Amino acid sequence: MITISDLAKDKVVKLRQDAELNENHFLRASVAGGGCSGLSYKLDFDDEIKPMDQEFEDKGVKIVVDMKSFLYLAGTELKFSEGLNGKGFYFDNPNASRTCGCGDSFSV
């Protein structure tokens, strides 16, 4: 399962509204090769479910992940920070053995 914090949920809802996307658009989380630690996180809005996608809903936010990415993201919580050390979404991923300083990439 993939979950979302309350603050991240509020930001996702606001971003979807600001982009004038309807309720059919969900949050797609994925992992791609790259970044200083080897794997990078990716977030986007989407409205197309693919055959092997894994679907989750937490706090009213639908989160969809392709099967390959789910192997790296199982148990992850999507969070949002407004702190002095950086503002934005980040992944609290129990599968990551190492992350880069910026938090955008990781390795297992």
PDB file of N, CA and C in Angstrom:
ATOM      1  N   MET A   1       0.837  -1.186   0.000  1.00  0.00           N
ATOM      2  CA  MET A   1       0.000   0.000   0.000  1.00  0.00           C
ATOM      3  C   MET A   1       0.879   1.245   0.000  1.00  0.00           C
ATOM      4  N   ILE A   2       0.375   2.276  -0.590  1.00  0.00           N
ATOM      5  CA  ILE A   2       1.025   3.587  -0.584  1.00  0.00           C
ATOM      6  C   ILE A   2       0.051   4.557   0.068  1.00  0.00           C
ATOM      7  N   THR A   3       0.553   5.350   1.019  1.00  0.00           N
ATOM      8  CA  THR A   3      -0.303   6.268   1.760  1.00  0.00           C
ATOM      9  C   THR A   3       0.150   7.705   1.529  1.00  0.00           C
ATOM     10  N   ILE A   4      -0.651   8.634   2.039  1.00  0.00           N
ATOM     11  CA  ILE A   4      -0.367  10.049   1.864  1.00  0.00           C
ATOM     12  C   ILE A   4      -0.637  10.773   3.178  1.00  0.00           C
ATOM     13  N   SER A   5       0.232  11.702   3.534  1.00  0.00           N
ATOM     14  CA  SER A   5       0.029  12.477   4.764  1.00  0.00           C
ATOM     15  C   SER A   5      -1.076  13.505   4.537  1.00  0.00           C
ATOM     16  N   ASP A   6      -1.594  14.051   5.623  1.00  0.00           N
ATOM     17  CA  ASP A   6      -2.666  15.051   5.522  1.00  0.00           C
ATOM     18  C   ASP A   6      -2.207  16.279   4.736  1.00  0.00           C
ATOM     19  N   LEU A   7      -1.014  16.774   5.024  1.00  0.00           N
ATOM     20  CA  LEU A   7      -0.507  17.965   4.335  1.00  0.00           C
ATOM     21  C   LEU A   7      -0.295  17.690   2.841  1.00  0.00           C
ATOM     22  N   ALA A   8       0.242  16.526   2.508  1.00  0.00           N
ATOM     23  CA  ALA A   8       0.431  16.168   1.094  1.00  0.00           C
ATOM     24  C   ALA A   8      -0.916  16.050   0.398  1.00  0.00           C
ATOM     25  N   LYS A   9      -1.901  15.489   1.075  1.00  0.00           N
ATOM     26  CA  LYS A   9      -3.250  15.378   0.496  1.00  0.00           C
ATOM     27  C   LYS A   9      -3.796  16.757   0.163  1.00  0.00           C
ATOM     28  N   ASP A  10      -3.665  17.697   1.100  1.00  0.00           N
ATOM     29  CA  ASP A  10      -4.161  19.053   0.863  1.00  0.00           C
ATOM     30  C   ASP A  10      -3.474  19.687  -0.351  1.00  0.00           C
ATOM     31  N   LYS A  11      -2.175  19.471  -0.496  1.00  0.00           N
ATOM     32  CA  LYS A  11      -1.433  20.039  -1.622  1.00  0.00           C
ATOM     33  C   LYS A  11      -1.845  19.395  -2.945  1.00  0.00           C
ATOM     34  N   VAL A  12      -2.061  18.082  -2.941  1.00  0.00           N
ATOM     35  CA  VAL A  12      -2.499  17.390  -4.160  1.00  0.00           C
ATOM     36  C   VAL A  12      -3.858  17.908  -4.605  1.00  0.00           C
ATOM     37  N   VAL A  13      -4.778  18.043  -3.659  1.00  0.00           N
ATOM     38  CA  VAL A  13      -6.118  18.548  -3.987  1.00  0.00           C
ATOM     39  C   VAL A  13      -6.022  19.963  -4.558  1.00  0.00           C
ATOM     40  N   LYS A  14      -5.216  20.820  -3.949  1.00  0.00           N
ATOM     41  CA  LYS A  14      -5.064  22.200  -4.436  1.00  0.00           C
ATOM     42  C   LYS A  14      -4.421  22.233  -5.816  1.00  0.00           C
ATOM     43  N   LEU A  15      -3.387  21.439  -6.032  1.00  0.00           N
ATOM     44  CA  LEU A  15      -2.731  21.405  -7.348  1.00  0.00           C
ATOM     45  C   LEU A  15      -3.682  20.925  -8.439  1.00  0.00           C
ATOM     46  N   ARG A  16      -4.494  19.927  -8.117  1.00  0.00           N
ATOM     47  CA  ARG A  16      -5.462  19.421  -9.099  1.00  0.00           C
ATOM     48  C   ARG A  16      -6.484  20.509  -9.426  1.00  0.00           C
ATOM     49  N   GLN A  17      -6.945  21.238  -8.416  1.00  0.00           N
ATOM     50  CA  GLN A  17      -7.894  22.329  -8.642  1.00  0.00           C
ATOM     51  C   GLN A  17      -7.248  23.453  -9.454  1.00  0.00           C
ATOM     52  N   ASP A  18      -6.020  23.838  -9.100  1.00  0.00           N
ATOM     53  CA  ASP A  18      -5.319  24.912  -9.802  1.00  0.00           C
ATOM     54  C   ASP A  18      -5.105  24.572 -11.279  1.00  0.00           C
ATOM     55  N   ALA A  19      -4.890  23.285 -11.563  1.00  0.00           N
ATOM     56  CA  ALA A  19      -4.679  22.837 -12.945  1.00  0.00           C
ATOM     57  C   ALA A  19      -6.004  22.595 -13.664  1.00  0.00           C
ATOM     58  N   GLU A  20      -7.115  22.824 -12.950  1.00  0.00           N
ATOM     59  CA  GLU A  20      -8.454  22.637 -13.491  1.00  0.00           C
ATOM     60  C   GLU A  20      -8.674  21.220 -14.015  1.00  0.00           C
ATOM     61  N   LEU A  21      -8.151  20.250 -13.260  1.00  0.00           N
ATOM     62  CA  LEU A  21      -8.354  18.845 -13.583  1.00  0.00           C
ATOM     63  C   LEU A  21      -9.569  18.339 -12.824  1.00  0.00           C
ATOM     64  N   ASN A  22     -10.304  17.398 -13.416  1.00  0.00           N
ATOM     65  CA  ASN A  22     -11.491  16.882 -12.749  1.00  0.00           C
ATOM     66  C   ASN A  22     -11.137  15.719 -11.824  1.00  0.00           C
ATOM     67  N   GLU A  23     -12.135  15.176 -11.166  1.00  0.00           N
ATOM     68  CA  GLU A  23     -11.942  14.101 -10.194  1.00  0.00           C
ATOM     69  C   GLU A  23     -11.477  12.795 -10.830  1.00  0.00           C
ATOM     70  N   ASN A  24     -11.551  12.685 -12.170  1.00  0.00           N
ATOM     71  CA  ASN A  24     -11.053  11.486 -12.853  1.00  0.00           C
ATOM     72  C   ASN A  24      -9.527  11.447 -12.865  1.00  0.00           C
ATOM     73  N   HIS A  25      -8.894  12.570 -12.599  1.00  0.00           N
ATOM     74  CA  HIS A  25      -7.430  12.622 -12.571  1.00  0.00           C
ATOM     75  C   HIS A  25      -6.927  12.192 -11.193  1.00  0.00           C
ATOM     76  N   PHE A  26      -6.048  11.239 -11.192  1.00  0.00           N
ATOM     77  CA  PHE A  26      -5.484  10.700  -9.972  1.00  0.00           C
ATOM     78  C   PHE A  26      -3.997  10.993  -9.942  1.00  0.00           C
ATOM     79  N   LEU A  27      -3.385  10.696  -8.823  1.00  0.00           N
ATOM     80  CA  LEU A  27      -1.948  10.897  -8.656  1.00  0.00           C
ATOM     81  C   LEU A  27      -1.231   9.626  -9.091  1.00  0.00           C
ATOM     82  N   ARG A  28      -0.307   9.757 -10.031  1.00  0.00           N
ATOM     83  CA  ARG A  28       0.506   8.618 -10.470  1.00  0.00           C
ATOM     84  C   ARG A  28       1.907   8.792  -9.897  1.00  0.00           C
ATOM     85  N   ALA A  29       2.337   7.797  -9.130  1.00  0.00           N
ATOM     86  CA  ALA A  29       3.682   7.772  -8.565  1.00  0.00           C
ATOM     87  C   ALA A  29       4.462   6.685  -9.290  1.00  0.00           C
ATOM     88  N   SER A  30       5.713   6.979  -9.612  1.00  0.00           N
ATOM     89  CA  SER A  30       6.529   5.979 -10.301  1.00  0.00           C
ATOM     90  C   SER A  30       7.997   6.167  -9.951  1.00  0.00           C
ATOM     91  N   VAL A  31       8.781   5.197 -10.382  1.00  0.00           N
ATOM     92  CA  VAL A  31      10.217   5.193 -10.170  1.00  0.00           C
ATOM     93  C   VAL A  31      10.880   5.026 -11.526  1.00  0.00           C
ATOM     94  N   ALA A  32      11.929   5.788 -11.765  1.00  0.00           N
ATOM     95  CA  ALA A  32      12.687   5.688 -13.015  1.00  0.00           C
ATOM     96  C   ALA A  32      14.171   5.647 -12.681  1.00  0.00           C
ATOM     97  N   GLY A  33      14.940   5.083 -13.577  1.00  0.00           N
ATOM     98  CA  GLY A  33      16.386   5.078 -13.399  1.00  0.00           C
ATOM     99  C   GLY A  33      16.927   6.488 -13.516  1.00  0.00           C
ATOM    100  N   GLY A  34      17.914   6.816 -12.699  1.00  0.00           N
ATOM    101  CA  GLY A  34      18.527   8.139 -12.769  1.00  0.00           C
ATOM    102  C   GLY A  34      18.713   8.737 -11.396  1.00  0.00           C
ATOM    103  N   GLY A  35      19.226   9.927 -11.373  1.00  0.00           N
ATOM    104  CA  GLY A  35      19.495  10.599 -10.112  1.00  0.00           C
ATOM    105  C   GLY A  35      20.828  10.160  -9.551  1.00  0.00           C
ATOM    106  N   CYS A  36      21.293  10.855  -8.551  1.00  0.00           N
ATOM    107  CA  CYS A  36      22.622  10.567  -8.007  1.00  0.00           C
ATOM    108  C   CYS A  36      22.671   9.269  -7.208  1.00  0.00           C
ATOM    109  N   SER A  37      21.514   8.721  -6.800  1.00  0.00           N
ATOM    110  CA  SER A  37      21.516   7.459  -6.056  1.00  0.00           C
ATOM    111  C   SER A  37      21.070   6.269  -6.893  1.00  0.00           C
ATOM    112  N   GLY A  38      20.712   6.503  -8.155  1.00  0.00           N
ATOM    113  CA  GLY A  38      20.367   5.394  -9.047  1.00  0.00           C
ATOM    114  C   GLY A  38      18.918   5.317  -9.465  1.00  0.00           C
ATOM    115  N   LEU A  39      17.984   5.672  -8.591  1.00  0.00           N
ATOM    116  CA  LEU A  39      16.558   5.640  -8.906  1.00  0.00           C
ATOM    117  C   LEU A  39      15.933   6.972  -8.509  1.00  0.00           C
ATOM    118  N   SER A  40      15.005   7.467  -9.325  1.00  0.00           N
ATOM    119  CA  SER A  40      14.348   8.743  -9.052  1.00  0.00           C
ATOM    120  C   SER A  40      12.849   8.562  -8.926  1.00  0.00           C
ATOM    121  N   TYR A  41      12.252   9.359  -8.071  1.00  0.00           N
ATOM    122  CA  TYR A  41      10.812   9.378  -7.907  1.00  0.00           C
ATOM    123  C   TYR A  41      10.186  10.294  -8.950  1.00  0.00           C
ATOM    124  N   LYS A  42       8.950   9.957  -9.331  1.00  0.00           N
ATOM    125  CA  LYS A  42       8.215  10.809 -10.253  1.00  0.00           C
ATOM    126  C   LYS A  42       6.759  10.867  -9.809  1.00  0.00           C
ATOM    127  N   LEU A  43       6.182  12.068  -9.827  1.00  0.00           N
ATOM    128  CA  LEU A  43       4.774  12.285  -9.507  1.00  0.00           C
ATOM    129  C   LEU A  43       4.132  13.058 -10.640  1.00  0.00           C
ATOM    130  N   ASP A  44       2.906  12.685 -10.966  1.00  0.00           N
ATOM    131  CA  ASP A  44       2.183  13.394 -12.011  1.00  0.00           C
ATOM    132  C   ASP A  44       0.699  13.087 -11.858  1.00  0.00           C
ATOM    133  N   PHE A  45      -0.129  13.893 -12.494  1.00  0.00           N
ATOM    134  CA  PHE A  45      -1.549  13.580 -12.580  1.00  0.00           C
ATOM    135  C   PHE A  45      -1.780  12.789 -13.857  1.00  0.00           C
ATOM    136  N   ASP A  46      -2.720  11.864 -13.801  1.00  0.00           N
ATOM    137  CA  ASP A  46      -3.041  11.011 -14.943  1.00  0.00           C
ATOM    138  C   ASP A  46      -4.526  10.685 -14.869  1.00  0.00           C
ATOM    139  N   ASP A  47      -5.088  10.249 -15.979  1.00  0.00           N
ATOM    140  CA  ASP A  47      -6.484   9.817 -15.972  1.00  0.00           C
ATOM    141  C   ASP A  47      -6.676   8.496 -16.712  1.00  0.00           C
ATOM    142  N   GLU A  48      -5.567   7.776 -16.948  1.00  0.00           N
ATOM    143  CA  GLU A  48      -5.638   6.510 -17.671  1.00  0.00           C
ATOM    144  C   GLU A  48      -5.009   5.386 -16.837  1.00  0.00           C
ATOM    145  N   ILE A  49      -5.833   4.400 -16.503  1.00  0.00           N
ATOM    146  CA  ILE A  49      -5.360   3.218 -15.785  1.00  0.00           C
ATOM    147  C   ILE A  49      -4.836   2.215 -16.805  1.00  0.00           C
ATOM    148  N   LYS A  50      -3.645   1.692 -16.547  1.00  0.00           N
ATOM    149  CA  LYS A  50      -3.049   0.687 -17.429  1.00  0.00           C
ATOM    150  C   LYS A  50      -3.278  -0.698 -16.824  1.00  0.00           C
ATOM    151  N   PRO A  51      -3.199  -1.757 -17.647  1.00  0.00           N
ATOM    152  CA  PRO A  51      -3.575  -3.101 -17.179  1.00  0.00           C
ATOM    153  C   PRO A  51      -2.890  -3.599 -15.905  1.00  0.00           C
ATOM    154  N   MET A  52      -1.628  -3.328 -15.705  1.00  0.00           N
ATOM    155  CA  MET A  52      -0.914  -3.865 -14.536  1.00  0.00           C
ATOM    156  C   MET A  52      -0.767  -2.850 -13.398  1.00  0.00           C
ATOM    157  N   ASP A  53      -1.474  -1.723 -13.477  1.00  0.00           N
ATOM    158  CA  ASP A  53      -1.391  -0.705 -12.440  1.00  0.00           C
ATOM    159  C   ASP A  53      -1.953  -1.199 -11.114  1.00  0.00           C
ATOM    160  N   GLN A  54      -1.348  -0.738 -10.045  1.00  0.00           N
ATOM    161  CA  GLN A  54      -1.830  -0.984  -8.692  1.00  0.00           C
ATOM    162  C   GLN A  54      -2.517   0.294  -8.219  1.00  0.00           C
ATOM    163  N   GLU A  55      -3.738   0.177  -7.705  1.00  0.00           N
ATOM    164  CA  GLU A  55      -4.520   1.336  -7.297  1.00  0.00           C
ATOM    165  C   GLU A  55      -4.702   1.349  -5.782  1.00  0.00           C
ATOM    166  N   PHE A  56      -4.511   2.529  -5.183  1.00  0.00           N
ATOM    167  CA  PHE A  56      -4.677   2.720  -3.754  1.00  0.00           C
ATOM    168  C   PHE A  56      -5.469   4.002  -3.533  1.00  0.00           C
ATOM    169  N   GLU A  57      -6.169   4.067  -2.426  1.00  0.00           N
ATOM    170  CA  GLU A  57      -6.832   5.308  -2.047  1.00  0.00           C
ATOM    171  C   GLU A  57      -6.592   5.537  -0.566  1.00  0.00           C
ATOM    172  N   ASP A  58      -6.122   6.723  -0.249  1.00  0.00           N
ATOM    173  CA  ASP A  58      -5.874   7.094   1.136  1.00  0.00           C
ATOM    174  C   ASP A  58      -6.317   8.535   1.332  1.00  0.00           C
ATOM    175  N   LYS A  59      -7.107   8.761   2.351  1.00  0.00           N
ATOM    176  CA  LYS A  59      -7.603  10.106   2.681  1.00  0.00           C
ATOM    177  C   LYS A  59      -8.314  10.756   1.503  1.00  0.00           C
ATOM    178  N   GLY A  60      -8.977   9.938   0.684  1.00  0.00           N
ATOM    179  CA  GLY A  60      -9.734  10.441  -0.455  1.00  0.00           C
ATOM    180  C   GLY A  60      -8.906  10.724  -1.693  1.00  0.00           C
ATOM    181  N   VAL A  61      -7.604  10.421  -1.672  1.00  0.00           N
ATOM    182  CA  VAL A  61      -6.732  10.633  -2.834  1.00  0.00           C
ATOM    183  C   VAL A  61      -6.416   9.285  -3.452  1.00  0.00           C
ATOM    184  N   LYS A  62      -6.702   9.165  -4.744  1.00  0.00           N
ATOM    185  CA  LYS A  62      -6.383   7.940  -5.473  1.00  0.00           C
ATOM    186  C   LYS A  62      -4.939   8.031  -5.959  1.00  0.00           C
ATOM    187  N   ILE A  63      -4.162   6.997  -5.632  1.00  0.00           N
ATOM    188  CA  ILE A  63      -2.760   6.916  -6.022  1.00  0.00           C
ATOM    189  C   ILE A  63      -2.590   5.656  -6.860  1.00  0.00           C
ATOM    190  N   VAL A  64      -2.015   5.799  -8.050  1.00  0.00           N
ATOM    191  CA  VAL A  64      -1.826   4.678  -8.963  1.00  0.00           C
ATOM    192  C   VAL A  64      -0.333   4.513  -9.229  1.00  0.00           C
ATOM    193  N   VAL A  65       0.109   3.254  -9.234  1.00  0.00           N
ATOM    194  CA  VAL A  65       1.522   2.943  -9.423  1.00  0.00           C
ATOM    195  C   VAL A  65       1.628   1.766 -10.383  1.00  0.00           C
ATOM    196  N   ASP A  66       2.548   1.843 -11.345  1.00  0.00           N
ATOM    197  CA  ASP A  66       2.773   0.696 -12.205  1.00  0.00           C
ATOM    198  C   ASP A  66       3.439  -0.411 -11.387  1.00  0.00           C
ATOM    199  N   MET A  67       3.307  -1.651 -11.845  1.00  0.00           N
ATOM    200  CA  MET A  67       3.782  -2.795 -11.069  1.00  0.00           C
ATOM    201  C   MET A  67       5.289  -2.738 -10.792  1.00  0.00           C
ATOM    202  N   LYS A  68       6.080  -2.335 -11.772  1.00  0.00           N
ATOM    203  CA  LYS A  68       7.533  -2.253 -11.582  1.00  0.00           C
ATOM    204  C   LYS A  68       7.881  -1.256 -10.471  1.00  0.00           C
ATOM    205  N   SER A  69       7.252  -0.092 -10.502  1.00  0.00           N
ATOM    206  CA  SER A  69       7.511   0.931  -9.484  1.00  0.00           C
ATOM    207  C   SER A  69       7.009   0.489  -8.115  1.00  0.00           C
ATOM    208  N   PHE A  70       5.895  -0.245  -8.098  1.00  0.00           N
ATOM    209  CA  PHE A  70       5.332  -0.685  -6.820  1.00  0.00           C
ATOM    210  C   PHE A  70       6.318  -1.558  -6.046  1.00  0.00           C
ATOM    211  N   LEU A  71       7.137  -2.323  -6.747  1.00  0.00           N
ATOM    212  CA  LEU A  71       8.130  -3.156  -6.071  1.00  0.00           C
ATOM    213  C   LEU A  71       9.080  -2.306  -5.228  1.00  0.00           C
ATOM    214  N   TYR A  72       9.330  -1.073  -5.651  1.00  0.00           N
ATOM    215  CA  TYR A  72      10.210  -0.149  -4.923  1.00  0.00           C
ATOM    216  C   TYR A  72       9.453   0.736  -3.930  1.00  0.00           C
ATOM    217  N   LEU A  73       8.144   0.917  -4.152  1.00  0.00           N
ATOM    218  CA  LEU A  73       7.377   1.890  -3.376  1.00  0.00           C
ATOM    219  C   LEU A  73       6.439   1.287  -2.345  1.00  0.00           C
ATOM    220  N   ALA A  74       6.332  -0.028  -2.263  1.00  0.00           N
ATOM    221  CA  ALA A  74       5.412  -0.658  -1.309  1.00  0.00           C
ATOM    222  C   ALA A  74       5.712  -0.154   0.101  1.00  0.00           C
ATOM    223  N   GLY A  75       4.668   0.300   0.791  1.00  0.00           N
ATOM    224  CA  GLY A  75       4.825   0.788   2.160  1.00  0.00           C
ATOM    225  C   GLY A  75       5.241   2.239   2.274  1.00  0.00           C
ATOM    226  N   THR A  76       5.369   2.923   1.158  1.00  0.00           N
ATOM    227  CA  THR A  76       5.828   4.315   1.147  1.00  0.00           C
ATOM    228  C   THR A  76       4.698   5.271   1.516  1.00  0.00           C
ATOM    229  N   GLU A  77       5.057   6.350   2.209  1.00  0.00           N
ATOM    230  CA  GLU A  77       4.113   7.433   2.478  1.00  0.00           C
ATOM    231  C   GLU A  77       4.582   8.681   1.747  1.00  0.00           C
ATOM    232  N   LEU A  78       3.678   9.278   0.982  1.00  0.00           N
ATOM    233  CA  LEU A  78       3.966  10.539   0.305  1.00  0.00           C
ATOM    234  C   LEU A  78       3.718  11.662   1.305  1.00  0.00           C
ATOM    235  N   LYS A  79       4.728  12.522   1.469  1.00  0.00           N
ATOM    236  CA  LYS A  79       4.633  13.626   2.431  1.00  0.00           C
ATOM    237  C   LYS A  79       4.933  14.948   1.728  1.00  0.00           C
ATOM    238  N   PHE A  80       4.636  16.026   2.429  1.00  0.00           N
ATOM    239  CA  PHE A  80       4.924  17.366   1.918  1.00  0.00           C
ATOM    240  C   PHE A  80       5.566  18.172   3.035  1.00  0.00           C
ATOM    241  N   SER A  81       6.605  18.908   2.693  1.00  0.00           N
ATOM    242  CA  SER A  81       7.306  19.730   3.676  1.00  0.00           C
ATOM    243  C   SER A  81       7.235  21.192   3.278  1.00  0.00           C
ATOM    244  N   GLU A  82       7.005  22.042   4.248  1.00  0.00           N
ATOM    245  CA  GLU A  82       7.031  23.488   4.018  1.00  0.00           C
ATOM    246  C   GLU A  82       8.171  24.115   4.806  1.00  0.00           C
ATOM    247  N   GLY A  83       9.125  23.319   5.240  1.00  0.00           N
ATOM    248  CA  GLY A  83      10.196  23.785   6.115  1.00  0.00           C
ATOM    249  C   GLY A  83      11.269  24.583   5.414  1.00  0.00           C
ATOM    250  N   LEU A  84      12.187  25.085   6.203  1.00  0.00           N
ATOM    251  CA  LEU A  84      13.295  25.885   5.697  1.00  0.00           C
ATOM    252  C   LEU A  84      14.266  25.069   4.867  1.00  0.00           C
ATOM    253  N   ASN A  85      14.319  23.760   5.091  1.00  0.00           N
ATOM    254  CA  ASN A  85      15.242  22.900   4.361  1.00  0.00           C
ATOM    255  C   ASN A  85      14.720  22.514   2.987  1.00  0.00           C
ATOM    256  N   GLY A  86      13.625  23.028   2.599  1.00  0.00           N
ATOM    257  CA  GLY A  86      13.073  22.714   1.291  1.00  0.00           C
ATOM    258  C   GLY A  86      11.576  22.558   1.369  1.00  0.00           C
ATOM    259  N   LYS A  87      10.936  22.940   0.291  1.00  0.00           N
ATOM    260  CA  LYS A  87       9.493  22.863   0.220  1.00  0.00           C
ATOM    261  C   LYS A  87       9.136  21.931  -0.918  1.00  0.00           C
ATOM    262  N   GLY A  88       8.257  20.992  -0.649  1.00  0.00           N
ATOM    263  CA  GLY A  88       7.804  20.121  -1.718  1.00  0.00           C
ATOM    264  C   GLY A  88       7.464  18.734  -1.231  1.00  0.00           C
ATOM    265  N   PHE A  89       7.078  17.897  -2.184  1.00  0.00           N
ATOM    266  CA  PHE A  89       6.731  16.517  -1.904  1.00  0.00           C
ATOM    267  C   PHE A  89       7.991  15.696  -1.696  1.00  0.00           C
ATOM    268  N   TYR A  90       7.893  14.724  -0.823  1.00  0.00           N
ATOM    269  CA  TYR A  90       8.974  13.760  -0.669  1.00  0.00           C
ATOM    270  C   TYR A  90       8.377  12.414  -0.267  1.00  0.00           C
ATOM    271  N   PHE A  91       9.140  11.367  -0.480  1.00  0.00           N
ATOM    272  CA  PHE A  91       8.700  10.006  -0.231  1.00  0.00           C
ATOM    273  C   PHE A  91       9.380   9.470   1.023  1.00  0.00           C
ATOM    274  N   ASP A  92       8.594   9.004   1.974  1.00  0.00           N
ATOM    275  CA  ASP A  92       9.119   8.309   3.148  1.00  0.00           C
ATOM    276  C   ASP A  92       9.062   6.821   2.794  1.00  0.00           C
ATOM    277  N   ASN A  93      10.165   6.329   2.225  1.00  0.00           N
ATOM    278  CA  ASN A  93      10.216   5.002   1.621  1.00  0.00           C
ATOM    279  C   ASN A  93      11.020   4.035   2.505  1.00  0.00           C
ATOM    280  N   PRO A  94      10.334   3.044   3.116  1.00  0.00           N
ATOM    281  CA  PRO A  94      11.052   2.096   3.967  1.00  0.00           C
ATOM    282  C   PRO A  94      11.964   1.150   3.181  1.00  0.00           C
ATOM    283  N   ASN A  95      11.827   1.106   1.871  1.00  0.00           N
ATOM    284  CA  ASN A  95      12.634   0.222   1.032  1.00  0.00           C
ATOM    285  C   ASN A  95      13.965   0.842   0.629  1.00  0.00           C
ATOM    286  N   ALA A  96      14.096   2.146   0.791  1.00  0.00           N
ATOM    287  CA  ALA A  96      15.308   2.847   0.362  1.00  0.00           C
ATOM    288  C   ALA A  96      16.426   2.609   1.364  1.00  0.00           C
ATOM    289  N   SER A  97      17.547   2.092   0.878  1.00  0.00           N
ATOM    290  CA  SER A  97      18.692   1.885   1.766  1.00  0.00           C
ATOM    291  C   SER A  97      19.584   3.119   1.810  1.00  0.00           C
ATOM    292  N   ARG A  98      19.439   3.966   0.791  1.00  0.00           N
ATOM    293  CA  ARG A  98      20.255   5.184   0.709  1.00  0.00           C
ATOM    294  C   ARG A  98      19.486   6.209  -0.108  1.00  0.00           C
ATOM    295  N   THR A  99      19.523   7.466   0.312  1.00  0.00           N
ATOM    296  CA  THR A  99      18.906   8.544  -0.457  1.00  0.00           C
ATOM    297  C   THR A  99      19.936   9.639  -0.676  1.00  0.00           C
ATOM    298  N   CYS A 100      19.703  10.443  -1.697  1.00  0.00           N
ATOM    299  CA  CYS A 100      20.617  11.549  -1.951  1.00  0.00           C
ATOM    300  C   CYS A 100      20.262  12.713  -1.032  1.00  0.00           C
ATOM    301  N   GLY A 101      21.097  13.711  -1.008  1.00  0.00           N
ATOM    302  CA  GLY A 101      20.888  14.868  -0.143  1.00  0.00           C
ATOM    303  C   GLY A 101      19.614  15.635  -0.442  1.00  0.00           C
ATOM    304  N   CYS A 102      19.214  15.684  -1.715  1.00  0.00           N
ATOM    305  CA  CYS A 102      18.018  16.440  -2.076  1.00  0.00           C
ATOM    306  C   CYS A 102      16.736  15.620  -1.880  1.00  0.00           C
ATOM    307  N   GLY A 103      16.869  14.297  -1.714  1.00  0.00           N
ATOM    308  CA  GLY A 103      15.698  13.452  -1.485  1.00  0.00           C
ATOM    309  C   GLY A 103      14.976  13.044  -2.743  1.00  0.00           C
ATOM    310  N   ASP A 104      15.481  13.428  -3.909  1.00  0.00           N
ATOM    311  CA  ASP A 104      14.823  13.097  -5.160  1.00  0.00           C
ATOM    312  C   ASP A 104      15.195  11.732  -5.711  1.00  0.00           C
ATOM    313  N   SER A 105      16.252  11.143  -5.212  1.00  0.00           N
ATOM    314  CA  SER A 105      16.641   9.836  -5.697  1.00  0.00           C
ATOM    315  C   SER A 105      17.045   8.930  -4.531  1.00  0.00           C
ATOM    316  N   PHE A 106      17.071   7.623  -4.824  1.00  0.00           N
ATOM    317  CA  PHE A 106      17.340   6.640  -3.782  1.00  0.00           C
ATOM    318  C   PHE A 106      17.904   5.374  -4.391  1.00  0.00           C
ATOM    319  N   SER A 107      18.357   4.476  -3.546  1.00  0.00           N
ATOM    320  CA  SER A 107      18.773   3.153  -3.983  1.00  0.00           C
ATOM    321  C   SER A 107      18.234   2.140  -2.980  1.00  0.00           C
ATOM    322  N   VAL A 108      18.152   0.892  -3.422  1.00  0.00           N
ATOM    323  CA  VAL A 108      17.662  -0.177  -2.544  1.00  0.00           C
ATOM    324  C   VAL A 108      18.745  -1.203  -2.328  1.00  0.00           C
TER     325      VAL A 108
END
